[in-house]
Amino acid sequence: MELQDFIYELHKYAEQTHVLKDKFEKLSDTEKQLVMNAAPDSLKTPNEYFHPVYEWLENTTEQLNTHQDIK
């Protein structure tokens, strides 16, 4: 049950990274710079989070499906 809850939250997180990426892309270059200047130094742009999060979700789902097939 905890794993299902985690995957549900990961799916929501992936959807939110997609929305944030889309909103960030619509900003002007000046607005993007303003937003990124306000971000902590270690924080990447929304574009850089989008793909790894979706890859994580896909890999987790694939592994779960493989694990269930073995049982």
C-alpha atoms as a PDB file:
ATOM      1  CA  MET A   1       0.000   0.000   0.000  1.00  0.00           C
ATOM      2  CA  GLU A   2       2.834   2.411   0.808  1.00  0.00           C
ATOM      3  CA  LEU A   3       4.384   1.775  -2.604  1.00  0.00           C
ATOM      4  CA  GLN A   4       1.098   2.568  -4.332  1.00  0.00           C
ATOM      5  CA  ASP A   5       0.846   5.792  -2.330  1.00  0.00           C
ATOM      6  CA  PHE A   6       4.403   6.688  -3.319  1.00  0.00           C
ATOM      7  CA  ILE A   7       3.740   6.045  -7.017  1.00  0.00           C
ATOM      8  CA  TYR A   8       0.549   8.094  -6.820  1.00  0.00           C
ATOM      9  CA  GLU A   9       2.466  11.029  -5.325  1.00  0.00           C
ATOM     10  CA  LEU A  10       5.306  10.595  -7.825  1.00  0.00           C
ATOM     11  CA  HIS A  11       2.751  10.726 -10.637  1.00  0.00           C
ATOM     12  CA  LYS A  12       1.312  13.972  -9.212  1.00  0.00           C
ATOM     13  CA  TYR A  13       4.840  15.362  -8.864  1.00  0.00           C
ATOM     14  CA  ALA A  14       5.590  14.465 -12.494  1.00  0.00           C
ATOM     15  CA  GLU A  15       2.418  16.200 -13.629  1.00  0.00           C
ATOM     16  CA  GLN A  16       3.331  19.296 -11.620  1.00  0.00           C
ATOM     17  CA  THR A  17       6.852  19.401 -13.079  1.00  0.00           C
ATOM     18  CA  HIS A  18       5.260  19.321 -16.529  1.00  0.00           C
ATOM     19  CA  VAL A  19       2.929  22.223 -15.685  1.00  0.00           C
ATOM     20  CA  LEU A  20       5.775  24.203 -14.131  1.00  0.00           C
ATOM     21  CA  LYS A  21       7.986  23.574 -17.174  1.00  0.00           C
ATOM     22  CA  ASP A  22       5.234  24.776 -19.496  1.00  0.00           C
ATOM     23  CA  LYS A  23       4.645  27.917 -17.442  1.00  0.00           C
ATOM     24  CA  PHE A  24       8.379  28.617 -17.236  1.00  0.00           C
ATOM     25  CA  GLU A  25       8.748  28.276 -21.019  1.00  0.00           C
ATOM     26  CA  LYS A  26       6.049  30.936 -21.534  1.00  0.00           C
ATOM     27  CA  LEU A  27       7.992  33.515 -19.522  1.00  0.00           C
ATOM     28  CA  SER A  28      10.040  36.136 -21.303  1.00  0.00           C
ATOM     29  CA  ASP A  29      13.810  35.794 -21.083  1.00  0.00           C
ATOM     30  CA  THR A  30      13.857  38.616 -18.542  1.00  0.00           C
ATOM     31  CA  GLU A  31      11.210  36.894 -16.399  1.00  0.00           C
ATOM     32  CA  LYS A  32      13.063  33.570 -16.608  1.00  0.00           C
ATOM     33  CA  GLN A  33      16.224  35.292 -15.434  1.00  0.00           C
ATOM     34  CA  LEU A  34      14.361  36.992 -12.585  1.00  0.00           C
ATOM     35  CA  VAL A  35      12.870  33.687 -11.438  1.00  0.00           C
ATOM     36  CA  MET A  36      16.178  31.842 -11.629  1.00  0.00           C
ATOM     37  CA  ASN A  37      18.046  34.658  -9.865  1.00  0.00           C
ATOM     38  CA  ALA A  38      15.614  34.266  -6.959  1.00  0.00           C
ATOM     39  CA  ALA A  39      16.096  30.482  -6.832  1.00  0.00           C
ATOM     40  CA  PRO A  40      18.660  28.839  -4.542  1.00  0.00           C
ATOM     41  CA  ASP A  41      21.966  28.192  -6.323  1.00  0.00           C
ATOM     42  CA  SER A  42      21.470  24.435  -6.280  1.00  0.00           C
ATOM     43  CA  LEU A  43      18.036  24.616  -7.926  1.00  0.00           C
ATOM     44  CA  LYS A  44      17.830  23.800 -11.616  1.00  0.00           C
ATOM     45  CA  THR A  45      15.362  25.233 -14.107  1.00  0.00           C
ATOM     46  CA  PRO A  46      11.968  23.503 -14.430  1.00  0.00           C
ATOM     47  CA  ASN A  47      13.090  22.222 -17.842  1.00  0.00           C
ATOM     48  CA  GLU A  48      15.901  20.274 -16.181  1.00  0.00           C
ATOM     49  CA  TYR A  49      13.549  18.595 -13.674  1.00  0.00           C
ATOM     50  CA  PHE A  50      10.870  17.546 -16.113  1.00  0.00           C
ATOM     51  CA  HIS A  51      12.599  14.684 -17.941  1.00  0.00           C
ATOM     52  CA  PRO A  52      14.321  13.004 -14.965  1.00  0.00           C
ATOM     53  CA  VAL A  53      11.087  12.969 -12.953  1.00  0.00           C
ATOM     54  CA  TYR A  54       9.138  11.383 -15.803  1.00  0.00           C
ATOM     55  CA  GLU A  55      11.953   8.880 -16.348  1.00  0.00           C
ATOM     56  CA  TRP A  56      11.835   8.027 -12.641  1.00  0.00           C
ATOM     57  CA  LEU A  57       8.067   7.474 -12.827  1.00  0.00           C
ATOM     58  CA  GLU A  58       8.345   5.325 -15.958  1.00  0.00           C
ATOM     59  CA  ASN A  59      11.188   3.234 -14.528  1.00  0.00           C
ATOM     60  CA  THR A  60       9.379   2.721 -11.233  1.00  0.00           C
ATOM     61  CA  THR A  61       6.166   1.702 -13.000  1.00  0.00           C
ATOM     62  CA  GLU A  62       8.085  -0.656 -15.295  1.00  0.00           C
ATOM     63  CA  GLN A  63       9.919  -2.284 -12.386  1.00  0.00           C
ATOM     64  CA  LEU A  64       6.680  -2.661 -10.458  1.00  0.00           C
ATOM     65  CA  ASN A  65       5.007  -4.301 -13.443  1.00  0.00           C
ATOM     66  CA  THR A  66       7.994  -6.642 -13.902  1.00  0.00           C
ATOM     67  CA  HIS A  67       7.957  -7.491 -10.206  1.00  0.00           C
ATOM     68  CA  GLN A  68       4.227  -8.291 -10.342  1.00  0.00           C
ATOM     69  CA  ASP A  69       4.733 -10.496 -13.416  1.00  0.00           C
ATOM     70  CA  ILE A  70       7.303 -12.580 -11.508  1.00  0.00           C
ATOM     71  CA  LYS A  71       4.912 -13.301  -8.634  1.00  0.00           C
END
